[in-house]
Amino acid sequence: MNRQYYPAEAAQKAYDLGFKYEQIYHGCGQCAMAAVIEILELPDADDLFRAATAFAAGVAMMGDGSCGGYLGGVLLLGHLKGRE
């Protein structure tokens, strides 16, 4: 991470980016994930980002179930801190 953020500042920046990406690109799971990937400057997250396509509007555009933005964030956290 080239720029040092304080945790609250990083969280606000990720929120702002995610909100902006959702307005432009749609796909809440990918937008949430893209914001955090950008803040943390993760170079190896392309496949993970692609996998988050399925989280748009919950799961598969169904709108009933889990929040796609939440799922994208949880998937990214699992990628970063999950079990081996």
PDB file of N, CA and C in Angstrom:
ATOM      1  N   MET A   1       0.849  -1.167   0.000  1.00  0.00           N
ATOM      2  CA  MET A   1       0.000   0.000   0.000  1.00  0.00           C
ATOM      3  C   MET A   1       0.894   1.229   0.000  1.00  0.00           C
ATOM      4  N   ASN A   2       0.859   1.966  -1.063  1.00  0.00           N
ATOM      5  CA  ASN A   2       1.728   3.138  -1.183  1.00  0.00           C
ATOM      6  C   ASN A   2       1.309   4.269  -0.262  1.00  0.00           C
ATOM      7  N   ARG A   3       0.021   4.530  -0.191  1.00  0.00           N
ATOM      8  CA  ARG A   3      -0.449   5.609   0.669  1.00  0.00           C
ATOM      9  C   ARG A   3      -0.894   5.016   1.988  1.00  0.00           C
ATOM     10  N   GLN A   4      -0.484   5.630   3.066  1.00  0.00           N
ATOM     11  CA  GLN A   4      -0.893   5.156   4.386  1.00  0.00           C
ATOM     12  C   GLN A   4      -2.216   5.807   4.767  1.00  0.00           C
ATOM     13  N   TYR A   5      -3.188   4.992   5.103  1.00  0.00           N
ATOM     14  CA  TYR A   5      -4.479   5.472   5.566  1.00  0.00           C
ATOM     15  C   TYR A   5      -4.645   5.082   7.019  1.00  0.00           C
ATOM     16  N   TYR A   6      -5.291   5.921   7.794  1.00  0.00           N
ATOM     17  CA  TYR A   6      -5.758   5.509   9.106  1.00  0.00           C
ATOM     18  C   TYR A   6      -6.977   4.642   8.866  1.00  0.00           C
ATOM     19  N   PRO A   7      -7.282   3.690   9.754  1.00  0.00           N
ATOM     20  CA  PRO A   7      -8.403   2.776   9.508  1.00  0.00           C
ATOM     21  C   PRO A   7      -9.718   3.474   9.161  1.00  0.00           C
ATOM     22  N   ALA A   8     -10.091   4.508   9.908  1.00  0.00           N
ATOM     23  CA  ALA A   8     -11.352   5.200   9.628  1.00  0.00           C
ATOM     24  C   ALA A   8     -11.300   5.906   8.277  1.00  0.00           C
ATOM     25  N   GLU A   9     -10.151   6.456   7.945  1.00  0.00           N
ATOM     26  CA  GLU A   9      -9.981   7.136   6.664  1.00  0.00           C
ATOM     27  C   GLU A   9     -10.064   6.130   5.514  1.00  0.00           C
ATOM     28  N   ALA A  10      -9.444   4.975   5.681  1.00  0.00           N
ATOM     29  CA  ALA A  10      -9.492   3.933   4.655  1.00  0.00           C
ATOM     30  C   ALA A  10     -10.910   3.424   4.468  1.00  0.00           C
ATOM     31  N   ALA A  11     -11.628   3.230   5.563  1.00  0.00           N
ATOM     32  CA  ALA A  11     -13.009   2.762   5.483  1.00  0.00           C
ATOM     33  C   ALA A  11     -13.876   3.785   4.753  1.00  0.00           C
ATOM     34  N   GLN A  12     -13.706   5.054   5.050  1.00  0.00           N
ATOM     35  CA  GLN A  12     -14.490   6.095   4.377  1.00  0.00           C
ATOM     36  C   GLN A  12     -14.140   6.159   2.900  1.00  0.00           C
ATOM     37  N   LYS A  13     -12.867   6.064   2.572  1.00  0.00           N
ATOM     38  CA  LYS A  13     -12.434   6.094   1.168  1.00  0.00           C
ATOM     39  C   LYS A  13     -13.008   4.903   0.405  1.00  0.00           C
ATOM     40  N   ALA A  14     -12.983   3.715   1.020  1.00  0.00           N
ATOM     41  CA  ALA A  14     -13.546   2.526   0.373  1.00  0.00           C
ATOM     42  C   ALA A  14     -15.042   2.690   0.171  1.00  0.00           C
ATOM     43  N   TYR A  15     -15.726   3.234   1.166  1.00  0.00           N
ATOM     44  CA  TYR A  15     -17.168   3.479   1.044  1.00  0.00           C
ATOM     45  C   TYR A  15     -17.447   4.422  -0.117  1.00  0.00           C
ATOM     46  N   ASP A  16     -16.711   5.524  -0.160  1.00  0.00           N
ATOM     47  CA  ASP A  16     -16.921   6.514  -1.213  1.00  0.00           C
ATOM     48  C   ASP A  16     -16.663   5.922  -2.602  1.00  0.00           C
ATOM     49  N   LEU A  17     -15.577   5.160  -2.732  1.00  0.00           N
ATOM     50  CA  LEU A  17     -15.267   4.526  -4.014  1.00  0.00           C
ATOM     51  C   LEU A  17     -16.335   3.504  -4.397  1.00  0.00           C
ATOM     52  N   GLY A  18     -16.731   2.671  -3.446  1.00  0.00           N
ATOM     53  CA  GLY A  18     -17.752   1.670  -3.718  1.00  0.00           C
ATOM     54  C   GLY A  18     -19.063   2.302  -4.166  1.00  0.00           C
ATOM     55  N   PHE A  19     -19.446   3.389  -3.510  1.00  0.00           N
ATOM     56  CA  PHE A  19     -20.667   4.112  -3.864  1.00  0.00           C
ATOM     57  C   PHE A  19     -20.554   4.668  -5.276  1.00  0.00           C
ATOM     58  N   LYS A  20     -19.407   5.272  -5.572  1.00  0.00           N
ATOM     59  CA  LYS A  20     -19.176   5.836  -6.906  1.00  0.00           C
ATOM     60  C   LYS A  20     -19.205   4.738  -7.968  1.00  0.00           C
ATOM     61  N   TYR A  21     -18.522   3.624  -7.717  1.00  0.00           N
ATOM     62  CA  TYR A  21     -18.487   2.526  -8.684  1.00  0.00           C
ATOM     63  C   TYR A  21     -19.877   1.944  -8.918  1.00  0.00           C
ATOM     64  N   GLU A  22     -20.678   1.839  -7.862  1.00  0.00           N
ATOM     65  CA  GLU A  22     -22.035   1.307  -8.010  1.00  0.00           C
ATOM     66  C   GLU A  22     -22.882   2.216  -8.900  1.00  0.00           C
ATOM     67  N   GLN A  23     -22.731   3.522  -8.754  1.00  0.00           N
ATOM     68  CA  GLN A  23     -23.488   4.455  -9.587  1.00  0.00           C
ATOM     69  C   GLN A  23     -23.094   4.351 -11.058  1.00  0.00           C
ATOM     70  N   ILE A  24     -21.811   4.115 -11.309  1.00  0.00           N
ATOM     71  CA  ILE A  24     -21.315   4.086 -12.684  1.00  0.00           C
ATOM     72  C   ILE A  24     -21.465   2.692 -13.312  1.00  0.00           C
ATOM     73  N   TYR A  25     -21.013   1.660 -12.592  1.00  0.00           N
ATOM     74  CA  TYR A  25     -20.878   0.329 -13.190  1.00  0.00           C
ATOM     75  C   TYR A  25     -21.951  -0.664 -12.773  1.00  0.00           C
ATOM     76  N   HIS A  26     -22.545  -0.467 -11.617  1.00  0.00           N
ATOM     77  CA  HIS A  26     -23.516  -1.401 -11.035  1.00  0.00           C
ATOM     78  C   HIS A  26     -22.812  -2.713 -10.664  1.00  0.00           C
ATOM     79  N   GLY A  27     -23.526  -3.631 -10.047  1.00  0.00           N
ATOM     80  CA  GLY A  27     -22.909  -4.876  -9.592  1.00  0.00           C
ATOM     81  C   GLY A  27     -22.288  -4.678  -8.226  1.00  0.00           C
ATOM     82  N   CYS A  28     -23.126  -4.646  -7.195  1.00  0.00           N
ATOM     83  CA  CYS A  28     -22.697  -4.255  -5.850  1.00  0.00           C
ATOM     84  C   CYS A  28     -21.546  -5.097  -5.304  1.00  0.00           C
ATOM     85  N   GLY A  29     -21.546  -6.396  -5.570  1.00  0.00           N
ATOM     86  CA  GLY A  29     -20.459  -7.246  -5.064  1.00  0.00           C
ATOM     87  C   GLY A  29     -19.114  -6.843  -5.632  1.00  0.00           C
ATOM     88  N   GLN A  30     -19.071  -6.646  -6.934  1.00  0.00           N
ATOM     89  CA  GLN A  30     -17.822  -6.243  -7.567  1.00  0.00           C
ATOM     90  C   GLN A  30     -17.431  -4.814  -7.201  1.00  0.00           C
ATOM     91  N   CYS A  31     -18.406  -3.939  -7.052  1.00  0.00           N
ATOM     92  CA  CYS A  31     -18.093  -2.554  -6.712  1.00  0.00           C
ATOM     93  C   CYS A  31     -17.507  -2.443  -5.311  1.00  0.00           C
ATOM     94  N   ALA A  32     -18.087  -3.168  -4.367  1.00  0.00           N
ATOM     95  CA  ALA A  32     -17.539  -3.172  -3.006  1.00  0.00           C
ATOM     96  C   ALA A  32     -16.133  -3.746  -3.007  1.00  0.00           C
ATOM     97  N   MET A  33     -15.969  -4.846  -3.727  1.00  0.00           N
ATOM     98  CA  MET A  33     -14.657  -5.490  -3.784  1.00  0.00           C
ATOM     99  C   MET A  33     -13.637  -4.599  -4.489  1.00  0.00           C
ATOM    100  N   ALA A  34     -14.022  -3.968  -5.595  1.00  0.00           N
ATOM    101  CA  ALA A  34     -13.097  -3.101  -6.338  1.00  0.00           C
ATOM    102  C   ALA A  34     -12.599  -1.952  -5.475  1.00  0.00           C
ATOM    103  N   ALA A  35     -13.471  -1.400  -4.654  1.00  0.00           N
ATOM    104  CA  ALA A  35     -13.072  -0.293  -3.790  1.00  0.00           C
ATOM    105  C   ALA A  35     -12.000  -0.728  -2.800  1.00  0.00           C
ATOM    106  N   VAL A  36     -12.189  -1.873  -2.176  1.00  0.00           N
ATOM    107  CA  VAL A  36     -11.206  -2.350  -1.196  1.00  0.00           C
ATOM    108  C   VAL A  36      -9.919  -2.780  -1.896  1.00  0.00           C
ATOM    109  N   ILE A  37     -10.043  -3.424  -3.048  1.00  0.00           N
ATOM    110  CA  ILE A  37      -8.854  -3.813  -3.824  1.00  0.00           C
ATOM    111  C   ILE A  37      -8.030  -2.575  -4.160  1.00  0.00           C
ATOM    112  N   GLU A  38      -8.699  -1.501  -4.544  1.00  0.00           N
ATOM    113  CA  GLU A  38      -7.987  -0.267  -4.887  1.00  0.00           C
ATOM    114  C   GLU A  38      -7.318   0.350  -3.669  1.00  0.00           C
ATOM    115  N   ILE A  39      -8.011   0.406  -2.551  1.00  0.00           N
ATOM    116  CA  ILE A  39      -7.443   0.996  -1.333  1.00  0.00           C
ATOM    117  C   ILE A  39      -6.231   0.202  -0.861  1.00  0.00           C
ATOM    118  N   LEU A  40      -6.346  -1.125  -0.889  1.00  0.00           N
ATOM    119  CA  LEU A  40      -5.252  -1.972  -0.404  1.00  0.00           C
ATOM    120  C   LEU A  40      -4.196  -2.269  -1.471  1.00  0.00           C
ATOM    121  N   GLU A  41      -4.474  -1.828  -2.710  1.00  0.00           N
ATOM    122  CA  GLU A  41      -3.559  -2.046  -3.827  1.00  0.00           C
ATOM    123  C   GLU A  41      -3.190  -3.522  -3.957  1.00  0.00           C
ATOM    124  N   LEU A  42      -4.185  -4.359  -4.073  1.00  0.00           N
ATOM    125  CA  LEU A  42      -3.978  -5.805  -4.193  1.00  0.00           C
ATOM    126  C   LEU A  42      -3.726  -6.174  -5.653  1.00  0.00           C
ATOM    127  N   PRO A  43      -2.541  -6.666  -5.958  1.00  0.00           N
ATOM    128  CA  PRO A  43      -2.202  -6.955  -7.353  1.00  0.00           C
ATOM    129  C   PRO A  43      -2.750  -8.289  -7.858  1.00  0.00           C
ATOM    130  N   ASP A  44      -3.139  -9.176  -6.972  1.00  0.00           N
ATOM    131  CA  ASP A  44      -3.482 -10.543  -7.377  1.00  0.00           C
ATOM    132  C   ASP A  44      -4.971 -10.855  -7.213  1.00  0.00           C
ATOM    133  N   ALA A  45      -5.832  -9.881  -7.408  1.00  0.00           N
ATOM    134  CA  ALA A  45      -7.247 -10.073  -7.108  1.00  0.00           C
ATOM    135  C   ALA A  45      -8.137 -10.143  -8.348  1.00  0.00           C
ATOM    136  N   ASP A  46      -7.565 -10.284  -9.542  1.00  0.00           N
ATOM    137  CA  ASP A  46      -8.370 -10.298 -10.759  1.00  0.00           C
ATOM    138  C   ASP A  46      -9.374 -11.449 -10.781  1.00  0.00           C
ATOM    139  N   ASP A  47      -8.931 -12.639 -10.451  1.00  0.00           N
ATOM    140  CA  ASP A  47      -9.841 -13.789 -10.452  1.00  0.00           C
ATOM    141  C   ASP A  47     -10.916 -13.641  -9.385  1.00  0.00           C
ATOM    142  N   LEU A  48     -10.534 -13.123  -8.248  1.00  0.00           N
ATOM    143  CA  LEU A  48     -11.486 -12.893  -7.164  1.00  0.00           C
ATOM    144  C   LEU A  48     -12.534 -11.865  -7.593  1.00  0.00           C
ATOM    145  N   PHE A  49     -12.101 -10.800  -8.227  1.00  0.00           N
ATOM    146  CA  PHE A  49     -13.018  -9.780  -8.726  1.00  0.00           C
ATOM    147  C   PHE A  49     -13.983 -10.391  -9.744  1.00  0.00           C
ATOM    148  N   ARG A  50     -13.474 -11.205 -10.648  1.00  0.00           N
ATOM    149  CA  ARG A  50     -14.312 -11.848 -11.646  1.00  0.00           C
ATOM    150  C   ARG A  50     -15.348 -12.758 -10.988  1.00  0.00           C
ATOM    151  N   ALA A  51     -14.936 -13.471  -9.946  1.00  0.00           N
ATOM    152  CA  ALA A  51     -15.850 -14.371  -9.240  1.00  0.00           C
ATOM    153  C   ALA A  51     -16.998 -13.608  -8.576  1.00  0.00           C
ATOM    154  N   ALA A  52     -16.770 -12.365  -8.215  1.00  0.00           N
ATOM    155  CA  ALA A  52     -17.802 -11.571  -7.547  1.00  0.00           C
ATOM    156  C   ALA A  52     -18.926 -11.157  -8.490  1.00  0.00           C
ATOM    157  N   THR A  53     -18.792 -11.433  -9.782  1.00  0.00           N
ATOM    158  CA  THR A  53     -19.866 -11.145 -10.731  1.00  0.00           C
ATOM    159  C   THR A  53     -21.177 -11.760 -10.266  1.00  0.00           C
ATOM    160  N   ALA A  54     -21.120 -12.946  -9.716  1.00  0.00           N
ATOM    161  CA  ALA A  54     -22.318 -13.675  -9.295  1.00  0.00           C
ATOM    162  C   ALA A  54     -23.042 -13.020  -8.124  1.00  0.00           C
ATOM    163  N   PHE A  55     -22.417 -12.066  -7.465  1.00  0.00           N
ATOM    164  CA  PHE A  55     -23.029 -11.435  -6.292  1.00  0.00           C
ATOM    165  C   PHE A  55     -23.854 -10.197  -6.623  1.00  0.00           C
ATOM    166  N   ALA A  56     -24.051  -9.901  -7.887  1.00  0.00           N
ATOM    167  CA  ALA A  56     -24.838  -8.725  -8.259  1.00  0.00           C
ATOM    168  C   ALA A  56     -26.275  -8.880  -7.769  1.00  0.00           C
ATOM    169  N   ALA A  57     -26.778  -7.858  -7.100  1.00  0.00           N
ATOM    170  CA  ALA A  57     -28.154  -7.835  -6.577  1.00  0.00           C
ATOM    171  C   ALA A  57     -28.442  -9.045  -5.700  1.00  0.00           C
ATOM    172  N   GLY A  58     -27.551  -9.328  -4.803  1.00  0.00           N
ATOM    173  CA  GLY A  58     -27.688 -10.491  -3.910  1.00  0.00           C
ATOM    174  C   GLY A  58     -26.904 -11.639  -4.498  1.00  0.00           C
ATOM    175  N   VAL A  59     -27.573 -12.516  -5.166  1.00  0.00           N
ATOM    176  CA  VAL A  59     -26.917 -13.603  -5.887  1.00  0.00           C
ATOM    177  C   VAL A  59     -27.645 -13.768  -7.213  1.00  0.00           C
ATOM    178  N   ALA A  60     -26.918 -13.664  -8.303  1.00  0.00           N
ATOM    179  CA  ALA A  60     -27.437 -13.887  -9.651  1.00  0.00           C
ATOM    180  C   ALA A  60     -28.650 -13.000  -9.977  1.00  0.00           C
ATOM    181  N   MET A  61     -28.610 -11.757  -9.532  1.00  0.00           N
ATOM    182  CA  MET A  61     -29.659 -10.780  -9.830  1.00  0.00           C
ATOM    183  C   MET A  61     -31.044 -11.208  -9.334  1.00  0.00           C
ATOM    184  N   MET A  62     -31.087 -12.041  -8.304  1.00  0.00           N
ATOM    185  CA  MET A  62     -32.364 -12.529  -7.789  1.00  0.00           C
ATOM    186  C   MET A  62     -32.990 -11.552  -6.792  1.00  0.00           C
ATOM    187  N   GLY A  63     -32.192 -10.745  -6.122  1.00  0.00           N
ATOM    188  CA  GLY A  63     -32.723  -9.760  -5.195  1.00  0.00           C
ATOM    189  C   GLY A  63     -33.326 -10.342  -3.933  1.00  0.00           C
ATOM    190  N   ASP A  64     -33.223 -11.623  -3.757  1.00  0.00           N
ATOM    191  CA  ASP A  64     -33.737 -12.241  -2.531  1.00  0.00           C
ATOM    192  C   ASP A  64     -32.631 -13.075  -1.919  1.00  0.00           C
ATOM    193  N   GLY A  65     -32.151 -12.672  -0.829  1.00  0.00           N
ATOM    194  CA  GLY A  65     -31.040 -13.379  -0.215  1.00  0.00           C
ATOM    195  C   GLY A  65     -30.048 -12.391   0.344  1.00  0.00           C
ATOM    196  N   SER A  66     -28.825 -12.766   0.320  1.00  0.00           N
ATOM    197  CA  SER A  66     -27.776 -11.943   0.907  1.00  0.00           C
ATOM    198  C   SER A  66     -27.433 -10.744   0.032  1.00  0.00           C
ATOM    199  N   CYS A  67     -26.974  -9.708   0.673  1.00  0.00           N
ATOM    200  CA  CYS A  67     -26.550  -8.485  -0.002  1.00  0.00           C
ATOM    201  C   CYS A  67     -25.264  -8.752  -0.782  1.00  0.00           C
ATOM    202  N   GLY A  68     -25.243  -8.394  -2.066  1.00  0.00           N
ATOM    203  CA  GLY A  68     -24.073  -8.616  -2.899  1.00  0.00           C
ATOM    204  C   GLY A  68     -22.846  -7.856  -2.424  1.00  0.00           C
ATOM    205  N   GLY A  69     -23.040  -6.620  -1.961  1.00  0.00           N
ATOM    206  CA  GLY A  69     -21.912  -5.840  -1.446  1.00  0.00           C
ATOM    207  C   GLY A  69     -21.310  -6.488  -0.215  1.00  0.00           C
ATOM    208  N   TYR A  70     -22.168  -6.992   0.652  1.00  0.00           N
ATOM    209  CA  TYR A  70     -21.711  -7.701   1.858  1.00  0.00           C
ATOM    210  C   TYR A  70     -20.953  -8.963   1.463  1.00  0.00           C
ATOM    211  N   LEU A  71     -21.519  -9.741   0.546  1.00  0.00           N
ATOM    212  CA  LEU A  71     -20.860 -10.977   0.120  1.00  0.00           C
ATOM    213  C   LEU A  71     -19.508 -10.703  -0.524  1.00  0.00           C
ATOM    214  N   GLY A  72     -19.430  -9.652  -1.351  1.00  0.00           N
ATOM    215  CA  GLY A  72     -18.156  -9.299  -1.977  1.00  0.00           C
ATOM    216  C   GLY A  72     -17.099  -8.934  -0.943  1.00  0.00           C
ATOM    217  N   GLY A  73     -17.507  -8.178   0.072  1.00  0.00           N
ATOM    218  CA  GLY A  73     -16.579  -7.812   1.147  1.00  0.00           C
ATOM    219  C   GLY A  73     -16.121  -9.008   1.952  1.00  0.00           C
ATOM    220  N   VAL A  74     -17.051  -9.896   2.259  1.00  0.00           N
ATOM    221  CA  VAL A  74     -16.705 -11.094   3.028  1.00  0.00           C
ATOM    222  C   VAL A  74     -15.780 -12.004   2.217  1.00  0.00           C
ATOM    223  N   LEU A  75     -16.045 -12.154   0.927  1.00  0.00           N
ATOM    224  CA  LEU A  75     -15.178 -12.967   0.076  1.00  0.00           C
ATOM    225  C   LEU A  75     -13.760 -12.404   0.048  1.00  0.00           C
ATOM    226  N   LEU A  76     -13.656 -11.085  -0.048  1.00  0.00           N
ATOM    227  CA  LEU A  76     -12.336 -10.452  -0.064  1.00  0.00           C
ATOM    228  C   LEU A  76     -11.615 -10.640   1.268  1.00  0.00           C
ATOM    229  N   LEU A  77     -12.328 -10.505   2.374  1.00  0.00           N
ATOM    230  CA  LEU A  77     -11.707 -10.742   3.685  1.00  0.00           C
ATOM    231  C   LEU A  77     -11.228 -12.185   3.808  1.00  0.00           C
ATOM    232  N   GLY A  78     -12.031 -13.111   3.324  1.00  0.00           N
ATOM    233  CA  GLY A  78     -11.612 -14.509   3.335  1.00  0.00           C
ATOM    234  C   GLY A  78     -10.365 -14.726   2.495  1.00  0.00           C
ATOM    235  N   HIS A  79     -10.288 -14.043   1.376  1.00  0.00           N
ATOM    236  CA  HIS A  79      -9.102 -14.126   0.509  1.00  0.00           C
ATOM    237  C   HIS A  79      -7.859 -13.622   1.237  1.00  0.00           C
ATOM    238  N   LEU A  80      -8.019 -12.538   1.989  1.00  0.00           N
ATOM    239  CA  LEU A  80      -6.888 -11.927   2.669  1.00  0.00           C
ATOM    240  C   LEU A  80      -6.494 -12.657   3.956  1.00  0.00           C
ATOM    241  N   LYS A  81      -7.475 -13.131   4.716  1.00  0.00           N
ATOM    242  CA  LYS A  81      -7.191 -13.669   6.043  1.00  0.00           C
ATOM    243  C   LYS A  81      -7.707 -15.087   6.261  1.00  0.00           C
ATOM    244  N   GLY A  82      -8.198 -15.741   5.221  1.00  0.00           N
ATOM    245  CA  GLY A  82      -8.787 -17.069   5.368  1.00  0.00           C
ATOM    246  C   GLY A  82      -7.762 -18.151   5.665  1.00  0.00           C
ATOM    247  N   ARG A  83      -8.288 -19.302   6.016  1.00  0.00           N
ATOM    248  CA  ARG A  83      -7.436 -20.447   6.336  1.00  0.00           C
ATOM    249  C   ARG A  83      -6.685 -20.944   5.107  1.00  0.00           C
ATOM    250  N   GLU A  84      -5.556 -21.527   5.322  1.00  0.00           N
ATOM    251  CA  GLU A  84      -4.773 -22.133   4.233  1.00  0.00           C
ATOM    252  C   GLU A  84      -5.401 -23.436   3.836  1.00  0.00           C
TER     253      GLU A  84
END
